[in-house]
Every structure is written in structure tokens, then in C-alpha cells.
PDB file of N, CA and C in Angstrom:
ATOM      1  N   MET A   1    -100.845  86.536-156.554  1.00  0.00           N
ATOM      2  CA  MET A   1    -100.470  84.964-156.494  1.00  0.00           C
ATOM      3  C   MET A   1     -98.836  85.286-156.191  1.00  0.00           C
ATOM      4  N   PHE A   2     -98.198  84.910-155.399  1.00  0.00           N
ATOM      5  CA  PHE A   2     -96.261  84.883-155.235  1.00  0.00           C
ATOM      6  C   PHE A   2     -96.624  82.975-154.762  1.00  0.00           C
ATOM      7  N   LEU A   3     -95.223  82.201-155.334  1.00  0.00           N
ATOM      8  CA  LEU A   3     -94.211  81.405-154.382  1.00  0.00           C
ATOM      9  C   LEU A   3     -93.291  81.934-153.890  1.00  0.00           C
ATOM     10  N   ILE A   4     -93.289  81.664-152.601  1.00  0.00           N
ATOM     11  CA  ILE A   4     -91.822  81.900-151.338  1.00  0.00           C
ATOM     12  C   ILE A   4     -91.219  80.662-151.647  1.00  0.00           C
ATOM     13  N   TYR A   5     -90.117  80.962-151.557  1.00  0.00           N
ATOM     14  CA  TYR A   5     -88.997  79.182-151.280  1.00  0.00           C
ATOM     15  C   TYR A   5     -88.511  80.029-149.884  1.00  0.00           C
ATOM     16  N   GLY A   6     -88.157  79.597-149.225  1.00  0.00           N
ATOM     17  CA  GLY A   6     -88.127  80.148-148.378  1.00  0.00           C
ATOM     18  C   GLY A   6     -86.832  81.207-147.621  1.00  0.00           C
ATOM     19  N   SER A   7     -86.422  81.961-146.881  1.00  0.00           N
ATOM     20  CA  SER A   7     -85.592  83.093-146.759  1.00  0.00           C
ATOM     21  C   SER A   7     -84.366  83.124-147.391  1.00  0.00           C
ATOM     22  N   GLY A   8     -83.740  84.150-147.629  1.00  0.00           N
ATOM     23  CA  GLY A   8     -82.392  84.279-147.143  1.00  0.00           C
ATOM     24  C   GLY A   8     -81.919  84.321-149.087  1.00  0.00           C
ATOM     25  N   GLU A   9     -81.029  83.873-149.519  1.00  0.00           N
ATOM     26  CA  GLU A   9     -80.691  83.701-151.017  1.00  0.00           C
ATOM     27  C   GLU A   9     -81.605  82.389-151.876  1.00  0.00           C
ATOM     28  N   LEU A  10     -81.998  83.054-153.122  1.00  0.00           N
ATOM     29  CA  LEU A  10     -82.570  81.768-154.131  1.00  0.00           C
ATOM     30  C   LEU A  10     -81.040  81.286-154.625  1.00  0.00           C
ATOM     31  N   THR A  11     -81.332  79.651-153.967  1.00  0.00           N
ATOM     32  CA  THR A  11     -79.681  78.914-154.816  1.00  0.00           C
ATOM     33  C   THR A  11     -80.448  78.482-156.485  1.00  0.00           C
ATOM     34  N   LEU A  12     -80.250  78.360-157.707  1.00  0.00           N
ATOM     35  CA  LEU A  12     -80.718  77.587-158.524  1.00  0.00           C
ATOM     36  C   LEU A  12     -79.947  76.272-158.919  1.00  0.00           C
ATOM     37  N   LYS A  13     -80.003  75.318-159.106  1.00  0.00           N
ATOM     38  CA  LYS A  13     -79.567  74.531-159.335  1.00  0.00           C
ATOM     39  C   LYS A  13     -79.618  73.553-160.717  1.00  0.00           C
ATOM     40  N   GLY A  14     -78.822  73.217-161.933  1.00  0.00           N
ATOM     41  CA  GLY A  14     -79.672  72.737-162.726  1.00  0.00           C
ATOM     42  C   GLY A  14     -79.014  71.130-162.815  1.00  0.00           C
ATOM     43  N   TYR A  15     -79.646  70.724-163.743  1.00  0.00           N
ATOM     44  CA  TYR A  15     -79.087  69.035-163.606  1.00  0.00           C
ATOM     45  C   TYR A  15     -79.801  69.145-165.033  1.00  0.00           C
ATOM     46  N   SER A  16     -78.655  68.109-166.141  1.00  0.00           N
ATOM     47  CA  SER A  16     -79.123  67.631-166.811  1.00  0.00           C
ATOM     48  C   SER A  16     -77.983  66.183-167.706  1.00  0.00           C
ATOM     49  N   ASP A  17     -78.593  65.460-168.190  1.00  0.00           N
ATOM     50  CA  ASP A  17     -78.430  63.723-168.227  1.00  0.00           C
ATOM     51  C   ASP A  17     -78.277  64.171-170.158  1.00  0.00           C
ATOM     52  N   ALA A  18     -78.103  62.941-170.631  1.00  0.00           N
ATOM     53  CA  ALA A  18     -78.188  62.754-172.147  1.00  0.00           C
ATOM     54  C   ALA A  18     -77.835  60.869-172.057  1.00  0.00           C
ATOM     55  N   SER A  19     -78.604  60.823-173.263  1.00  0.00           N
ATOM     56  CA  SER A  19     -78.625  58.995-173.952  1.00  0.00           C
ATOM     57  C   SER A  19     -77.975  59.166-174.888  1.00  0.00           C
ATOM     58  N   PHE A  20     -76.457  58.191-175.031  1.00  0.00           N
ATOM     59  CA  PHE A  20     -75.911  58.204-176.270  1.00  0.00           C
ATOM     60  C   PHE A  20     -76.851  57.494-177.295  1.00  0.00           C
ATOM     61  N   GLN A  21     -78.006  57.667-178.422  1.00  0.00           N
ATOM     62  CA  GLN A  21     -78.164  56.784-179.684  1.00  0.00           C
ATOM     63  C   GLN A  21     -79.277  56.130-178.773  1.00  0.00           C
ATOM     64  N   SER A  22     -79.796  56.800-178.302  1.00  0.00           N
ATOM     65  CA  SER A  22     -81.368  55.648-177.602  1.00  0.00           C
ATOM     66  C   SER A  22     -81.962  55.102-178.621  1.00  0.00           C
ATOM     67  N   ASP A  23     -82.101  56.291-179.733  1.00  0.00           N
ATOM     68  CA  ASP A  23     -83.157  56.287-181.154  1.00  0.00           C
ATOM     69  C   ASP A  23     -81.966  54.899-182.321  1.00  0.00           C
ATOM     70  N   ASP A  24     -83.017  53.768-181.672  1.00  0.00           N
ATOM     71  CA  ASP A  24     -82.356  53.067-182.961  1.00  0.00           C
ATOM     72  C   ASP A  24     -82.298  53.696-184.395  1.00  0.00           C
ATOM     73  N   ASP A  25     -83.379  53.497-184.487  1.00  0.00           N
ATOM     74  CA  ASP A  25     -83.590  54.030-186.601  1.00  0.00           C
ATOM     75  C   ASP A  25     -83.702  55.528-186.857  1.00  0.00           C
ATOM     76  N   ASP A  26     -82.677  56.786-185.686  1.00  0.00           N
ATOM     77  CA  ASP A  26     -81.774  57.727-186.144  1.00  0.00           C
ATOM     78  C   ASP A  26     -80.983  57.923-185.885  1.00  0.00           C
ATOM     79  N   ALA A  27     -80.143  57.159-184.739  1.00  0.00           N
ATOM     80  CA  ALA A  27     -79.250  56.955-183.951  1.00  0.00           C
ATOM     81  C   ALA A  27     -78.744  58.259-183.016  1.00  0.00           C
ATOM     82  N   LYS A  28     -80.660  58.903-183.098  1.00  0.00           N
ATOM     83  CA  LYS A  28     -79.996  60.375-182.496  1.00  0.00           C
ATOM     84  C   LYS A  28     -79.930  60.010-180.938  1.00  0.00           C
ATOM     85  N   SER A  29     -80.071  60.848-179.860  1.00  0.00           N
ATOM     86  CA  SER A  29     -78.876  60.720-178.471  1.00  0.00           C
ATOM     87  C   SER A  29     -80.619  61.173-178.023  1.00  0.00           C
ATOM     88  N   GLN A  30     -80.859  61.179-176.705  1.00  0.00           N
ATOM     89  CA  GLN A  30     -82.042  62.246-175.516  1.00  0.00           C
ATOM     90  C   GLN A  30     -82.148  62.420-174.467  1.00  0.00           C
ATOM     91  N   SER A  31     -81.620  63.833-174.806  1.00  0.00           N
ATOM     92  CA  SER A  31     -81.131  64.624-173.928  1.00  0.00           C
ATOM     93  C   SER A  31     -83.208  65.277-173.131  1.00  0.00           C
ATOM     94  N   GLY A  32     -81.696  65.853-171.582  1.00  0.00           N
ATOM     95  CA  GLY A  32     -83.170  66.494-170.325  1.00  0.00           C
ATOM     96  C   GLY A  32     -82.559  67.487-169.411  1.00  0.00           C
ATOM     97  N   PHE A  33     -83.218  68.308-169.500  1.00  0.00           N
ATOM     98  CA  PHE A  33     -82.490  68.757-168.310  1.00  0.00           C
ATOM     99  C   PHE A  33     -83.490  69.831-166.734  1.00  0.00           C
ATOM    100  N   ILE A  34     -83.752  69.419-165.369  1.00  0.00           N
ATOM    101  CA  ILE A  34     -84.415  70.025-164.722  1.00  0.00           C
ATOM    102  C   ILE A  34     -83.817  71.151-164.175  1.00  0.00           C
ATOM    103  N   PHE A  35     -84.545  71.791-163.305  1.00  0.00           N
ATOM    104  CA  PHE A  35     -83.578  73.337-162.672  1.00  0.00           C
ATOM    105  C   PHE A  35     -84.918  73.020-161.301  1.00  0.00           C
ATOM    106  N   LYS A  36     -84.023  73.040-160.666  1.00  0.00           N
ATOM    107  CA  LYS A  36     -84.434  73.730-158.678  1.00  0.00           C
ATOM    108  C   LYS A  36     -84.316  74.877-158.257  1.00  0.00           C
ATOM    109  N   LEU A  37     -85.068  75.762-157.979  1.00  0.00           N
ATOM    110  CA  LEU A  37     -85.005  76.720-157.203  1.00  0.00           C
ATOM    111  C   LEU A  37     -85.602  76.543-155.735  1.00  0.00           C
ATOM    112  N   ASN A  38     -83.929  77.008-154.849  1.00  0.00           N
ATOM    113  CA  ASN A  38     -84.379  75.795-152.651  1.00  0.00           C
ATOM    114  C   ASN A  38     -85.251  75.040-153.387  1.00  0.00           C
ATOM    115  N   GLY A  39     -84.806  74.112-153.930  1.00  0.00           N
ATOM    116  CA  GLY A  39     -85.376  72.509-153.902  1.00  0.00           C
ATOM    117  C   GLY A  39     -86.510  72.299-154.638  1.00  0.00           C
ATOM    118  N   GLY A  40     -87.133  73.487-154.756  1.00  0.00           N
ATOM    119  CA  GLY A  40     -88.649  73.247-156.071  1.00  0.00           C
ATOM    120  C   GLY A  40     -88.104  73.412-156.994  1.00  0.00           C
ATOM    121  N   VAL A  41     -88.249  72.629-157.639  1.00  0.00           N
ATOM    122  CA  VAL A  41     -88.843  72.136-159.528  1.00  0.00           C
ATOM    123  C   VAL A  41     -89.391  73.787-160.080  1.00  0.00           C
ATOM    124  N   VAL A  42     -88.541  74.390-161.197  1.00  0.00           N
ATOM    125  CA  VAL A  42     -89.044  75.636-161.650  1.00  0.00           C
ATOM    126  C   VAL A  42     -89.031  75.291-163.282  1.00  0.00           C
ATOM    127  N   THR A  43     -89.123  74.471-163.586  1.00  0.00           N
ATOM    128  CA  THR A  43     -88.649  74.049-165.377  1.00  0.00           C
ATOM    129  C   THR A  43     -87.928  73.056-165.625  1.00  0.00           C
ATOM    130  N   TRP A  44     -88.082  72.268-166.964  1.00  0.00           N
ATOM    131  CA  TRP A  44     -87.887  70.629-166.840  1.00  0.00           C
ATOM    132  C   TRP A  44     -88.153  70.964-168.337  1.00  0.00           C
ATOM    133  N   LYS A  45     -86.712  70.184-168.675  1.00  0.00           N
ATOM    134  CA  LYS A  45     -87.354  69.004-170.435  1.00  0.00           C
ATOM    135  C   LYS A  45     -86.695  68.005-170.768  1.00  0.00           C
ATOM    136  N   SER A  46     -87.905  66.940-171.996  1.00  0.00           N
ATOM    137  CA  SER A  46     -86.809  66.384-171.947  1.00  0.00           C
ATOM    138  C   SER A  46     -87.291  66.070-173.726  1.00  0.00           C
ATOM    139  N   SER A  47     -86.083  65.798-174.448  1.00  0.00           N
ATOM    140  CA  SER A  47     -86.462  65.678-176.245  1.00  0.00           C
ATOM    141  C   SER A  47     -85.397  64.834-176.694  1.00  0.00           C
ATOM    142  N   LYS A  48     -85.711  64.734-177.833  1.00  0.00           N
ATOM    143  CA  LYS A  48     -84.364  64.219-178.663  1.00  0.00           C
ATOM    144  C   LYS A  48     -83.839  65.206-179.407  1.00  0.00           C
ATOM    145  N   GLN A  49     -82.672  65.303-179.080  1.00  0.00           N
ATOM    146  CA  GLN A  49     -81.185  65.521-180.065  1.00  0.00           C
ATOM    147  C   GLN A  49     -81.458  66.058-181.277  1.00  0.00           C
ATOM    148  N   ASP A  50     -80.913  67.467-181.567  1.00  0.00           N
ATOM    149  CA  ASP A  50     -81.259  67.528-182.904  1.00  0.00           C
ATOM    150  C   ASP A  50     -80.627  67.382-183.688  1.00  0.00           C
ATOM    151  N   THR A  51     -78.405  67.348-183.477  1.00  0.00           N
ATOM    152  CA  THR A  51     -78.355  66.975-183.757  1.00  0.00           C
ATOM    153  C   THR A  51     -77.392  65.257-183.119  1.00  0.00           C
ATOM    154  N   THR A  52     -77.248  64.817-184.278  1.00  0.00           N
ATOM    155  CA  THR A  52     -76.163  64.233-184.002  1.00  0.00           C
ATOM    156  C   THR A  52     -75.214  63.307-183.725  1.00  0.00           C
ATOM    157  N   ALA A  53     -74.945  63.761-182.224  1.00  0.00           N
ATOM    158  CA  ALA A  53     -73.335  63.173-181.564  1.00  0.00           C
ATOM    159  C   ALA A  53     -72.920  61.695-182.321  1.00  0.00           C
ATOM    160  N   ASP A  54     -71.352  61.807-181.410  1.00  0.00           N
ATOM    161  CA  ASP A  54     -70.788  61.547-181.970  1.00  0.00           C
ATOM    162  C   ASP A  54     -70.519  60.098-180.889  1.00  0.00           C
ATOM    163  N   SER A  55     -70.152  61.092-179.816  1.00  0.00           N
ATOM    164  CA  SER A  55     -69.476  60.204-179.017  1.00  0.00           C
ATOM    165  C   SER A  55     -70.421  60.251-177.559  1.00  0.00           C
ATOM    166  N   THR A  56     -70.966  59.876-176.065  1.00  0.00           N
ATOM    167  CA  THR A  56     -71.084  60.092-175.153  1.00  0.00           C
ATOM    168  C   THR A  56     -70.967  61.494-174.635  1.00  0.00           C
ATOM    169  N   THR A  57     -69.683  61.905-174.606  1.00  0.00           N
ATOM    170  CA  THR A  57     -69.252  62.562-174.303  1.00  0.00           C
ATOM    171  C   THR A  57     -70.155  64.222-175.216  1.00  0.00           C
ATOM    172  N   GLU A  58     -69.812  64.165-176.096  1.00  0.00           N
ATOM    173  CA  GLU A  58     -70.818  65.370-177.046  1.00  0.00           C
ATOM    174  C   GLU A  58     -72.365  65.183-177.414  1.00  0.00           C
ATOM    175  N   ALA A  59     -73.297  64.569-176.912  1.00  0.00           N
ATOM    176  CA  ALA A  59     -74.401  64.048-176.184  1.00  0.00           C
ATOM    177  C   ALA A  59     -74.464  65.327-174.510  1.00  0.00           C
ATOM    178  N   GLU A  60     -73.435  64.936-174.148  1.00  0.00           N
ATOM    179  CA  GLU A  60     -73.728  64.734-172.725  1.00  0.00           C
ATOM    180  C   GLU A  60     -73.767  66.726-172.626  1.00  0.00           C
ATOM    181  N   TYR A  61     -72.415  66.676-173.014  1.00  0.00           N
ATOM    182  CA  TYR A  61     -72.223  69.201-174.239  1.00  0.00           C
ATOM    183  C   TYR A  61     -73.279  69.606-174.654  1.00  0.00           C
ATOM    184  N   ILE A  62     -74.061  68.267-175.563  1.00  0.00           N
ATOM    185  CA  ILE A  62     -75.602  69.121-176.211  1.00  0.00           C
ATOM    186  C   ILE A  62     -75.677  69.373-175.950  1.00  0.00           C
ATOM    187  N   ALA A  63     -76.293  68.219-174.244  1.00  0.00           N
ATOM    188  CA  ALA A  63     -77.474  68.263-173.436  1.00  0.00           C
ATOM    189  C   ALA A  63     -77.341  69.034-172.140  1.00  0.00           C
ATOM    190  N   ALA A  64     -75.626  69.809-171.794  1.00  0.00           N
ATOM    191  CA  ALA A  64     -75.474  70.987-170.728  1.00  0.00           C
ATOM    192  C   ALA A  64     -75.940  72.375-171.735  1.00  0.00           C
ATOM    193  N   SER A  65     -75.659  72.118-173.316  1.00  0.00           N
ATOM    194  CA  SER A  65     -76.048  72.993-173.551  1.00  0.00           C
ATOM    195  C   SER A  65     -77.157  73.673-173.398  1.00  0.00           C
ATOM    196  N   GLU A  66     -77.929  72.417-173.740  1.00  0.00           N
ATOM    197  CA  GLU A  66     -79.749  73.430-173.911  1.00  0.00           C
ATOM    198  C   GLU A  66     -80.370  73.567-171.891  1.00  0.00           C
ATOM    199  N   ALA A  67     -79.848  73.444-170.555  1.00  0.00           N
ATOM    200  CA  ALA A  67     -79.400  73.203-169.989  1.00  0.00           C
ATOM    201  C   ALA A  67     -79.234  74.986-170.056  1.00  0.00           C
ATOM    202  N   ALA A  68     -77.889  75.374-169.778  1.00  0.00           N
ATOM    203  CA  ALA A  68     -77.718  76.078-170.193  1.00  0.00           C
ATOM    204  C   ALA A  68     -78.348  77.490-170.905  1.00  0.00           C
ATOM    205  N   LYS A  69     -78.220  77.263-171.881  1.00  0.00           N
ATOM    206  CA  LYS A  69     -79.659  78.295-172.537  1.00  0.00           C
ATOM    207  C   LYS A  69     -80.736  78.148-172.015  1.00  0.00           C
ATOM    208  N   ASP A  70     -81.800  77.497-171.339  1.00  0.00           N
ATOM    209  CA  ASP A  70     -82.876  77.717-170.127  1.00  0.00           C
ATOM    210  C   ASP A  70     -82.654  78.737-169.175  1.00  0.00           C
ATOM    211  N   ALA A  71     -80.489  78.388-168.769  1.00  0.00           N
ATOM    212  CA  ALA A  71     -81.303  79.263-167.535  1.00  0.00           C
ATOM    213  C   ALA A  71     -80.969  80.923-167.928  1.00  0.00           C
ATOM    214  N   VAL A  72     -79.766  80.966-169.158  1.00  0.00           N
ATOM    215  CA  VAL A  72     -79.803  82.046-169.741  1.00  0.00           C
ATOM    216  C   VAL A  72     -81.983  83.253-170.090  1.00  0.00           C
ATOM    217  N   ARG A  73     -82.612  81.753-170.287  1.00  0.00           N
ATOM    218  CA  ARG A  73     -83.507  82.967-170.414  1.00  0.00           C
ATOM    219  C   ARG A  73     -84.524  83.339-169.061  1.00  0.00           C
ATOM    220  N   MET A  74     -84.244  82.074-168.263  1.00  0.00           N
ATOM    221  CA  MET A  74     -84.649  82.192-167.073  1.00  0.00           C
ATOM    222  C   MET A  74     -84.251  82.767-166.688  1.00  0.00           C
ATOM    223  N   LYS A  75     -82.993  83.943-166.157  1.00  0.00           N
ATOM    224  CA  LYS A  75     -82.179  85.258-165.707  1.00  0.00           C
ATOM    225  C   LYS A  75     -83.277  85.914-166.140  1.00  0.00           C
ATOM    226  N   LYS A  76     -83.221  85.946-167.842  1.00  0.00           N
ATOM    227  CA  LYS A  76     -82.844  87.270-167.863  1.00  0.00           C
ATOM    228  C   LYS A  76     -85.302  88.123-168.056  1.00  0.00           C
ATOM    229  N   THR A  77     -85.298  86.895-167.864  1.00  0.00           N
ATOM    230  CA  THR A  77     -87.250  87.056-166.948  1.00  0.00           C
ATOM    231  C   THR A  77     -87.441  86.834-165.414  1.00  0.00           C
ATOM    232  N   THR A  78     -86.499  86.763-164.551  1.00  0.00           N
ATOM    233  CA  THR A  78     -86.914  86.749-164.120  1.00  0.00           C
ATOM    234  C   THR A  78     -85.911  87.911-162.424  1.00  0.00           C
ATOM    235  N   SER A  79     -86.168  88.774-161.838  1.00  0.00           N
ATOM    236  CA  SER A  79     -85.863  89.388-160.730  1.00  0.00           C
ATOM    237  C   SER A  79     -84.874  89.324-161.179  1.00  0.00           C
ATOM    238  N   LYS A  80     -84.413  90.701-161.549  1.00  0.00           N
ATOM    239  CA  LYS A  80     -82.702  90.709-161.007  1.00  0.00           C
ATOM    240  C   LYS A  80     -82.064  90.795-159.761  1.00  0.00           C
ATOM    241  N   SER A  81     -83.340  91.580-158.738  1.00  0.00           N
ATOM    242  CA  SER A  81     -82.935  91.487-157.093  1.00  0.00           C
ATOM    243  C   SER A  81     -82.352  90.252-156.640  1.00  0.00           C
ATOM    244  N   TRP A  82     -82.200  89.119-157.611  1.00  0.00           N
ATOM    245  CA  TRP A  82     -82.384  87.894-156.713  1.00  0.00           C
ATOM    246  C   TRP A  82     -81.039  87.975-156.901  1.00  0.00           C
ATOM    247  N   VAL A  83     -80.333  86.944-156.288  1.00  0.00           N
ATOM    248  CA  VAL A  83     -78.778  86.130-155.696  1.00  0.00           C
ATOM    249  C   VAL A  83     -79.653  84.817-157.199  1.00  0.00           C
ATOM    250  N   TRP A  84     -78.392  84.640-157.742  1.00  0.00           N
ATOM    251  CA  TRP A  84     -78.416  83.262-158.656  1.00  0.00           C
ATOM    252  C   TRP A  84     -77.407  82.903-158.296  1.00  0.00           C
ATOM    253  N   TYR A  85     -77.365  81.346-158.288  1.00  0.00           N
ATOM    254  CA  TYR A  85     -76.205  80.091-158.040  1.00  0.00           C
ATOM    255  C   TYR A  85     -76.945  79.296-159.115  1.00  0.00           C
ATOM    256  N   LEU A  86     -75.390  78.639-160.342  1.00  0.00           N
ATOM    257  CA  LEU A  86     -76.381  77.985-161.123  1.00  0.00           C
ATOM    258  C   LEU A  86     -74.806  76.793-160.998  1.00  0.00           C
ATOM    259  N   ALA A  87     -75.065  76.026-160.602  1.00  0.00           N
ATOM    260  CA  ALA A  87     -74.641  75.145-160.705  1.00  0.00           C
ATOM    261  C   ALA A  87     -75.175  73.399-161.132  1.00  0.00           C
ATOM    262  N   PHE A  88     -73.499  72.549-162.704  1.00  0.00           N
ATOM    263  CA  PHE A  88     -74.520  71.961-163.020  1.00  0.00           C
ATOM    264  C   PHE A  88     -73.496  70.778-162.531  1.00  0.00           C
ATOM    265  N   VAL A  89     -74.630  69.937-162.193  1.00  0.00           N
ATOM    266  CA  VAL A  89     -74.709  69.033-161.159  1.00  0.00           C
ATOM    267  C   VAL A  89     -74.845  67.185-162.021  1.00  0.00           C
ATOM    268  N   SER A  90     -73.244  66.520-162.238  1.00  0.00           N
ATOM    269  CA  SER A  90     -73.633  65.057-162.148  1.00  0.00           C
ATOM    270  C   SER A  90     -73.762  63.929-161.565  1.00  0.00           C
ATOM    271  N   PRO A  91     -75.074  63.465-161.883  1.00  0.00           N
ATOM    272  CA  PRO A  91     -75.585  62.700-160.672  1.00  0.00           C
ATOM    273  C   PRO A  91     -74.696  60.997-160.474  1.00  0.00           C
TER     274      PRO A  91
END
């Protein structure tokens, strides 16, 4: 079984976001990311951050860092013949 995402080059787009100190009990932020390959979702995650961020900017950096780690993991587990483009977009 194969998944086909159109013809031509494959474009991977990653989106990440964070909600600063969204948990009143422990002041932890929530973060998440989604990756789309030629428009189709290939992976996503939403979780409470392990580290307590001191600012909205830090929470966003933590979310982007987690997304980047997943992008590296995907690159290592896929075909090396694909052309990958990674663009983190702020909605």
C-alpha cells in the first residue's frame, strides 16, 4: 500500500503554537504542532510543556523546538530521494 501526495516535489510544512501558562494549577504552557506533506496531515501532537516558560516567547520557542525534533525524526525515517522543504508558519 502506498500513499501518493500528487506529483512533483514533496513539500513539508510545519505549524506550531503555544498557549502561555494555560494551566492555572502548575503554570505550565500547552503546545502543539502539525505537519502537512503536500497538504495532507502526516503527524501532529498537542501536550503540556515539561518546562515552565517565563514568557509567551519562551513558550513559543519550546513549541517550535519540539516540532523541529519531530521534523528531524521524520527526515531520518523517510526516503532520502525525497526533496524536503520545511517552513514554520505563524498563523
